[in-house]
Structure formats: C-alpha cells, structure tokens
C-alpha cells in the first residue's frame, strides 16, 4: 500500500485546487500535520451547508490509501428540505462537538453557491 499523504499536504493541495476553479476555500481550524482527520464544511452561502467527514474504513472499500468522504449531517433521508443541506448553525455545532472529541482534526470551509467542492469519493 502506498504511503498516505499527510493531512497538511492534502489540505494545502485541495485549497490550491479549489483556487484554480475560483472556489474560495480556507482552513478554519488547523489540526495535526500528519494524521489529523479532515472535516469539510461546504457553505452554499444561503440555502445551508453540507458537512463532509472522513469515511471510516468500514464504510469504505478504498484500499489504495486515498481519502473518501461521507455526509456527516443532512442526508437526503434526514433533512427537512430534502436537499442534503443543514443550517450553518447546525453545521457549526456539529463541528464544535467533533473538536471536543478530537482536538487534532482539521476543518476546511469551502464557499460556493453551487455547492462545488471538487471531491470525487463521497459515499452515499
């Protein structure tokens, strides 16, 4: 199995990739440089937010060491509007709870009205 890219390098690369597509992305909370979990809040700037969390190894069939994601909140079955988004306050409260459990995690925020985040591996 190839070595895993560090959290810091992955975050920097993803911010750069978003920037190349004119999608604002920023680090809201810096975590452990090598192995911190990465959570991503995709802010749709009005309708709500989508929170992506790392998929656990039990959720994932990805054996090559790549990162995969799952919706942490507001899936199509659970949110009131059926669009997979939650209020920003709910997303922020979720992230605060995660930080209490794991102070080494990273929080990346992407702001895009269309909800673009440039991640391919989101598990349903």
Protein backbone atom coordinates (compact mmCIF):
# COMPACT_ATOMS: atom_id res chain seq x y z
CA UNK A 1 0.00 0.00 0.00
CA UNK A 2 1.45 3.42 -0.93
CA UNK A 3 2.18 5.88 1.89
CA UNK A 4 -0.71 8.17 2.78
CA UNK A 5 -0.40 11.89 2.06
CA UNK A 6 -0.21 13.92 5.27
CA UNK A 7 -3.27 15.89 6.35
CA UNK A 8 -1.45 19.20 5.99
CA UNK A 9 -0.29 18.46 2.44
CA UNK A 10 -3.75 17.21 1.40
CA UNK A 11 -5.44 20.34 2.79
CA UNK A 12 -2.96 22.69 1.09
CA UNK A 13 -3.35 20.86 -2.21
CA UNK A 14 -7.14 20.91 -2.04
CA UNK A 15 -7.24 24.62 -1.23
CA UNK A 16 -4.99 25.24 -4.22
CA UNK A 17 -7.16 23.05 -6.44
CA UNK A 18 -10.28 24.95 -5.35
CA UNK A 19 -8.50 28.24 -6.03
CA UNK A 20 -7.73 27.16 -9.59
CA UNK A 21 -11.50 26.78 -10.09
CA UNK A 22 -12.26 30.14 -8.41
CA UNK A 23 -13.86 28.40 -5.42
CA UNK A 24 -12.97 30.06 -2.10
CA UNK A 25 -11.58 27.55 0.42
CA UNK A 26 -9.87 28.21 3.73
CA UNK A 27 -8.58 26.47 6.83
CA UNK A 28 -10.91 27.27 9.73
CA UNK A 29 -9.11 25.01 12.20
CA UNK A 30 -5.60 23.63 11.80
CA UNK A 31 -5.13 20.10 13.13
CA UNK A 32 -2.31 17.62 13.45
CA UNK A 33 0.06 18.00 10.49
CA UNK A 34 0.49 14.33 9.75
CA UNK A 35 -2.57 12.38 10.78
CA UNK A 36 -5.36 14.78 11.76
CA UNK A 37 -8.82 13.89 10.46
CA UNK A 38 -10.17 16.38 7.92
CA UNK A 39 -13.77 17.64 8.04
CA UNK A 40 -15.12 19.85 5.27
CA UNK A 41 -18.00 22.32 5.50
CA UNK A 42 -19.35 23.26 2.09
CA UNK A 43 -21.22 26.53 2.61
CA UNK A 44 -23.79 27.21 -0.12
CA UNK A 45 -24.00 30.85 1.06
CA UNK A 46 -27.68 31.00 1.82
CA UNK A 47 -29.54 27.72 1.48
CA UNK A 48 -27.36 25.94 4.03
CA UNK A 49 -24.25 23.82 4.41
CA UNK A 50 -23.11 20.28 3.75
CA UNK A 51 -20.66 18.73 6.21
CA UNK A 52 -18.34 16.01 4.94
CA UNK A 53 -16.49 13.72 7.32
CA UNK A 54 -13.85 11.11 6.61
CA UNK A 55 -15.40 7.75 5.76
CA UNK A 56 -14.41 5.07 8.22
CA UNK A 57 -12.60 2.01 6.92
CA UNK A 58 -15.83 0.04 7.47
CA UNK A 59 -17.76 2.49 5.24
CA UNK A 60 -15.09 2.44 2.59
CA UNK A 61 -13.94 -0.06 0.01
CA UNK A 62 -11.00 2.15 -0.94
CA UNK A 63 -7.90 0.07 -0.29
CA UNK A 64 -5.36 2.26 -2.07
CA UNK A 65 -4.99 4.74 0.79
CA UNK A 66 -6.99 7.55 -0.82
CA UNK A 67 -9.41 9.70 1.14
CA UNK A 68 -13.13 9.06 0.96
CA UNK A 69 -15.94 11.11 2.44
CA UNK A 70 -19.44 10.68 3.83
CA UNK A 71 -22.12 13.22 4.66
CA UNK A 72 -22.00 13.83 8.39
CA UNK A 73 -25.36 15.64 8.54
CA UNK A 74 -28.42 16.26 6.41
CA UNK A 75 -28.53 13.28 4.11
CA UNK A 76 -31.47 13.11 1.70
CA UNK A 77 -33.46 10.93 4.10
CA UNK A 78 -32.87 13.02 7.20
CA UNK A 79 -33.01 16.72 6.47
CA UNK A 80 -36.26 18.65 6.35
CA UNK A 81 -35.87 20.13 2.86
CA UNK A 82 -34.60 17.00 1.13
CA UNK A 83 -31.62 18.82 -0.39
CA UNK A 84 -28.93 17.35 1.86
CA UNK A 85 -28.17 20.72 3.46
CA UNK A 86 -28.39 21.86 7.08
CA UNK A 87 -28.41 25.31 8.66
CA UNK A 88 -24.97 26.81 9.20
CA UNK A 89 -25.55 26.92 12.98
CA UNK A 90 -26.23 23.16 12.97
CA UNK A 91 -23.07 22.52 10.94
CA UNK A 92 -21.00 24.68 13.32
CA UNK A 93 -22.47 22.93 16.39
CA UNK A 94 -21.58 19.55 14.89
CA UNK A 95 -18.01 20.70 14.25
CA UNK A 96 -17.69 22.02 17.82
CA UNK A 97 -18.71 18.59 19.13
CA UNK A 98 -16.17 16.90 16.87
CA UNK A 99 -13.43 19.25 18.07
CA UNK A 100 -14.26 18.40 21.69
CA UNK A 101 -13.72 14.72 20.87
CA UNK A 102 -10.67 15.16 18.62
CA UNK A 103 -8.57 18.32 19.02
CA UNK A 104 -6.24 17.14 16.22
CA UNK A 105 -8.80 17.44 13.43
CA UNK A 106 -8.71 19.90 10.56
CA UNK A 107 -11.70 21.98 9.49
CA UNK A 108 -11.76 23.21 5.92
CA UNK A 109 -14.54 25.51 4.69
CA UNK A 110 -15.45 25.83 1.05
CA UNK A 111 -17.83 28.61 -0.01
CA UNK A 112 -19.71 28.14 -3.25
CA UNK A 113 -23.32 28.94 -4.13
CA UNK A 114 -23.39 25.94 -6.48
CA UNK A 115 -22.00 23.62 -3.80
CA UNK A 116 -18.87 22.68 -5.74
CA UNK A 117 -16.20 21.03 -3.58
CA UNK A 118 -14.12 19.06 -6.13
CA UNK A 119 -14.24 15.81 -4.14
CA UNK A 120 -14.98 12.64 -6.08
CA UNK A 121 -15.14 9.97 -3.39
CA UNK A 122 -18.33 10.74 -1.44
CA UNK A 123 -20.05 7.61 -0.23
CA UNK A 124 -23.84 7.53 -0.32
